[in-house]
Amino acid sequence: MVKEYDVYMQACPTRLVLDRLADKWAVLILARLDESPMRFNRLKREIEGVSQKALSQVLKKLERDGLVRREVFATVPVTVEYSITPLGRTLSTTATALARWAEENVEAVLAAQQQYDRSA
């Protein structure tokens, strides 16, 4: 039996997925990991402004959701690498497109905000 989901219904579990995608850090992490696996500190360097705590929390949530894989290597010190899973890859195209849309349209959005603020 196939369950039918309706994202517009309050109790629909798909809203949990949308909630994850509404997080700017999740979008940026997925887009970066789509390029190549990365260690924590590299991700932190490449995503300017993300705190260590926020990065750690979002990575754990993405791992729990099956979108990111955390692999520990037995080195001294221990090395941890994050990579995108096959499920995460199905989403990374959308995440990357969303990030690109923001880059391409930020000026129009800022102009609209200024116009709105002047008329309000």
C-alpha atoms as a PDB file:
ATOM      1  CA  MET A   1       0.000   0.000   0.000  1.00  0.00           C
ATOM      2  CA  VAL A   2       1.368   3.408  -1.013  1.00  0.00           C
ATOM      3  CA  LYS A   3       0.786   6.234   1.418  1.00  0.00           C
ATOM      4  CA  GLU A   4      -0.464   9.498   0.020  1.00  0.00           C
ATOM      5  CA  TYR A   5       0.974  12.655   1.473  1.00  0.00           C
ATOM      6  CA  ASP A   6      -0.398  16.167   1.306  1.00  0.00           C
ATOM      7  CA  VAL A   7       2.116  18.825   2.254  1.00  0.00           C
ATOM      8  CA  TYR A   8      -0.715  21.290   2.854  1.00  0.00           C
ATOM      9  CA  MET A   9      -2.093  19.192   5.714  1.00  0.00           C
ATOM     10  CA  GLN A  10      -0.754  20.205   9.126  1.00  0.00           C
ATOM     11  CA  ALA A  11       0.092  16.695  10.309  1.00  0.00           C
ATOM     12  CA  CYS A  12       1.774  15.614   7.068  1.00  0.00           C
ATOM     13  CA  PRO A  13       5.340  14.383   7.719  1.00  0.00           C
ATOM     14  CA  THR A  14       6.515  15.968   4.482  1.00  0.00           C
ATOM     15  CA  ARG A  15       6.535  19.262   6.361  1.00  0.00           C
ATOM     16  CA  LEU A  16       9.524  17.989   8.321  1.00  0.00           C
ATOM     17  CA  VAL A  17      11.403  17.623   5.052  1.00  0.00           C
ATOM     18  CA  LEU A  18      10.375  21.102   3.940  1.00  0.00           C
ATOM     19  CA  ASP A  19      11.466  22.469   7.293  1.00  0.00           C
ATOM     20  CA  ARG A  20      14.928  21.050   6.704  1.00  0.00           C
ATOM     21  CA  LEU A  21      15.074  22.631   3.268  1.00  0.00           C
ATOM     22  CA  ALA A  22      14.014  26.001   4.622  1.00  0.00           C
ATOM     23  CA  ASP A  23      17.313  26.101   6.542  1.00  0.00           C
ATOM     24  CA  LYS A  24      19.866  28.157   4.591  1.00  0.00           C
ATOM     25  CA  TRP A  25      22.741  26.172   6.065  1.00  0.00           C
ATOM     26  CA  ALA A  26      21.241  22.881   4.889  1.00  0.00           C
ATOM     27  CA  VAL A  27      20.926  24.215   1.340  1.00  0.00           C
ATOM     28  CA  LEU A  28      24.514  25.459   1.344  1.00  0.00           C
ATOM     29  CA  ILE A  29      25.905  22.266   2.896  1.00  0.00           C
ATOM     30  CA  LEU A  30      24.128  20.044   0.364  1.00  0.00           C
ATOM     31  CA  ALA A  31      25.320  22.205  -2.525  1.00  0.00           C
ATOM     32  CA  ARG A  32      28.941  22.063  -1.307  1.00  0.00           C
ATOM     33  CA  LEU A  33      28.915  18.324  -0.596  1.00  0.00           C
ATOM     34  CA  ASP A  34      27.499  17.721  -4.063  1.00  0.00           C
ATOM     35  CA  GLU A  35      30.860  18.959  -5.387  1.00  0.00           C
ATOM     36  CA  SER A  36      32.977  16.596  -3.279  1.00  0.00           C
ATOM     37  CA  PRO A  37      33.221  14.980   0.164  1.00  0.00           C
ATOM     38  CA  MET A  38      34.605  17.360   2.784  1.00  0.00           C
ATOM     39  CA  ARG A  39      35.894  17.449   6.286  1.00  0.00           C
ATOM     40  CA  PHE A  40      34.135  19.587   8.887  1.00  0.00           C
ATOM     41  CA  ASN A  41      36.694  22.409   8.960  1.00  0.00           C
ATOM     42  CA  ARG A  42      36.739  22.714   5.175  1.00  0.00           C
ATOM     43  CA  LEU A  43      32.953  23.014   5.141  1.00  0.00           C
ATOM     44  CA  LYS A  44      33.189  25.670   7.841  1.00  0.00           C
ATOM     45  CA  ARG A  45      35.764  27.620   5.818  1.00  0.00           C
ATOM     46  CA  GLU A  46      33.804  27.359   2.581  1.00  0.00           C
ATOM     47  CA  ILE A  47      30.451  28.394   4.086  1.00  0.00           C
ATOM     48  CA  GLU A  48      31.319  31.762   5.543  1.00  0.00           C
ATOM     49  CA  GLY A  49      29.308  32.844   8.546  1.00  0.00           C
ATOM     50  CA  VAL A  50      28.183  29.421   9.720  1.00  0.00           C
ATOM     51  CA  SER A  51      29.088  28.814  13.340  1.00  0.00           C
ATOM     52  CA  GLN A  52      30.669  25.580  14.470  1.00  0.00           C
ATOM     53  CA  LYS A  53      27.554  24.780  16.496  1.00  0.00           C
ATOM     54  CA  ALA A  54      25.141  25.438  13.609  1.00  0.00           C
ATOM     55  CA  LEU A  55      27.242  23.415  11.164  1.00  0.00           C
ATOM     56  CA  SER A  56      27.438  20.504  13.577  1.00  0.00           C
ATOM     57  CA  GLN A  57      23.694  20.550  14.274  1.00  0.00           C
ATOM     58  CA  VAL A  58      22.678  20.755  10.616  1.00  0.00           C
ATOM     59  CA  LEU A  59      25.104  18.003   9.597  1.00  0.00           C
ATOM     60  CA  LYS A  60      23.611  15.728  12.262  1.00  0.00           C
ATOM     61  CA  LYS A  61      20.080  16.472  11.043  1.00  0.00           C
ATOM     62  CA  LEU A  62      21.047  15.865   7.424  1.00  0.00           C
ATOM     63  CA  GLU A  63      22.736  12.618   8.425  1.00  0.00           C
ATOM     64  CA  ARG A  64      19.634  11.539  10.347  1.00  0.00           C
ATOM     65  CA  ASP A  65      17.491  12.331   7.295  1.00  0.00           C
ATOM     66  CA  GLY A  66      19.710  10.128   5.126  1.00  0.00           C
ATOM     67  CA  LEU A  67      20.960  13.034   3.017  1.00  0.00           C
ATOM     68  CA  VAL A  68      24.557  13.131   4.281  1.00  0.00           C
ATOM     69  CA  ARG A  69      26.945  10.350   5.278  1.00  0.00           C
ATOM     70  CA  ARG A  70      29.483  10.790   8.074  1.00  0.00           C
ATOM     71  CA  GLU A  71      32.542   8.583   7.736  1.00  0.00           C
ATOM     72  CA  VAL A  72      35.154   8.241  10.480  1.00  0.00           C
ATOM     73  CA  PHE A  73      38.716   7.250   9.581  1.00  0.00           C
ATOM     74  CA  ALA A  74      40.943   5.655  12.201  1.00  0.00           C
ATOM     75  CA  THR A  75      43.804   8.123  12.039  1.00  0.00           C
ATOM     76  CA  VAL A  76      45.597  10.133  14.706  1.00  0.00           C
ATOM     77  CA  PRO A  77      43.809  12.412  15.241  1.00  0.00           C
ATOM     78  CA  VAL A  78      40.568  10.868  14.023  1.00  0.00           C
ATOM     79  CA  THR A  79      39.470  12.152  10.615  1.00  0.00           C
ATOM     80  CA  VAL A  80      35.780  12.662   9.841  1.00  0.00           C
ATOM     81  CA  GLU A  81      34.543  13.240   6.318  1.00  0.00           C
ATOM     82  CA  TYR A  82      31.058  14.149   5.148  1.00  0.00           C
ATOM     83  CA  SER A  83      29.643  13.200   1.780  1.00  0.00           C
ATOM     84  CA  ILE A  84      26.306  13.377   0.071  1.00  0.00           C
ATOM     85  CA  THR A  85      24.250  10.175  -0.105  1.00  0.00           C
ATOM     86  CA  PRO A  86      22.364   8.981  -3.182  1.00  0.00           C
ATOM     87  CA  LEU A  87      19.174  10.331  -1.579  1.00  0.00           C
ATOM     88  CA  GLY A  88      20.905  13.638  -0.875  1.00  0.00           C
ATOM     89  CA  ARG A  89      22.075  13.804  -4.477  1.00  0.00           C
ATOM     90  CA  THR A  90      18.436  13.714  -5.627  1.00  0.00           C
ATOM     91  CA  LEU A  91      17.971  16.908  -3.624  1.00  0.00           C
ATOM     92  CA  SER A  92      21.285  18.637  -4.266  1.00  0.00           C
ATOM     93  CA  THR A  93      20.301  19.764  -7.760  1.00  0.00           C
ATOM     94  CA  THR A  94      17.347  21.606  -6.255  1.00  0.00           C
ATOM     95  CA  ALA A  95      19.471  23.012  -3.416  1.00  0.00           C
ATOM     96  CA  THR A  96      22.110  24.242  -5.858  1.00  0.00           C
ATOM     97  CA  ALA A  97      19.436  25.743  -8.115  1.00  0.00           C
ATOM     98  CA  LEU A  98      17.923  27.560  -5.127  1.00  0.00           C
ATOM     99  CA  ALA A  99      21.324  28.981  -4.151  1.00  0.00           C
ATOM    100  CA  ARG A 100      21.959  30.099  -7.761  1.00  0.00           C
ATOM    101  CA  TRP A 101      18.481  31.654  -7.963  1.00  0.00           C
ATOM    102  CA  ALA A 102      19.287  33.688  -4.852  1.00  0.00           C
ATOM    103  CA  GLU A 103      22.578  34.880  -6.357  1.00  0.00           C
ATOM    104  CA  GLU A 104      20.953  35.803  -9.671  1.00  0.00           C
ATOM    105  CA  ASN A 105      17.925  37.583  -8.180  1.00  0.00           C
ATOM    106  CA  VAL A 106      19.198  39.230  -5.003  1.00  0.00           C
ATOM    107  CA  GLU A 107      19.365  42.683  -6.602  1.00  0.00           C
ATOM    108  CA  ALA A 108      15.738  42.494  -7.750  1.00  0.00           C
ATOM    109  CA  VAL A 109      14.650  41.328  -4.286  1.00  0.00           C
ATOM    110  CA  LEU A 110      16.596  44.125  -2.576  1.00  0.00           C
ATOM    111  CA  ALA A 111      15.094  46.687  -4.962  1.00  0.00           C
ATOM    112  CA  ALA A 112      11.597  45.368  -4.256  1.00  0.00           C
ATOM    113  CA  GLN A 113      12.248  45.587  -0.513  1.00  0.00           C
ATOM    114  CA  GLN A 114      13.434  49.181  -0.814  1.00  0.00           C
ATOM    115  CA  GLN A 115      10.387  50.106  -2.897  1.00  0.00           C
ATOM    116  CA  TYR A 116       8.071  48.429  -0.378  1.00  0.00           C
ATOM    117  CA  ASP A 117       9.778  50.135   2.566  1.00  0.00           C
ATOM    118  CA  ARG A 118       9.475  53.562   0.907  1.00  0.00           C
ATOM    119  CA  SER A 119       5.755  53.092   0.291  1.00  0.00           C
ATOM    120  CA  ALA A 120       4.963  51.614   3.702  1.00  0.00           C
END
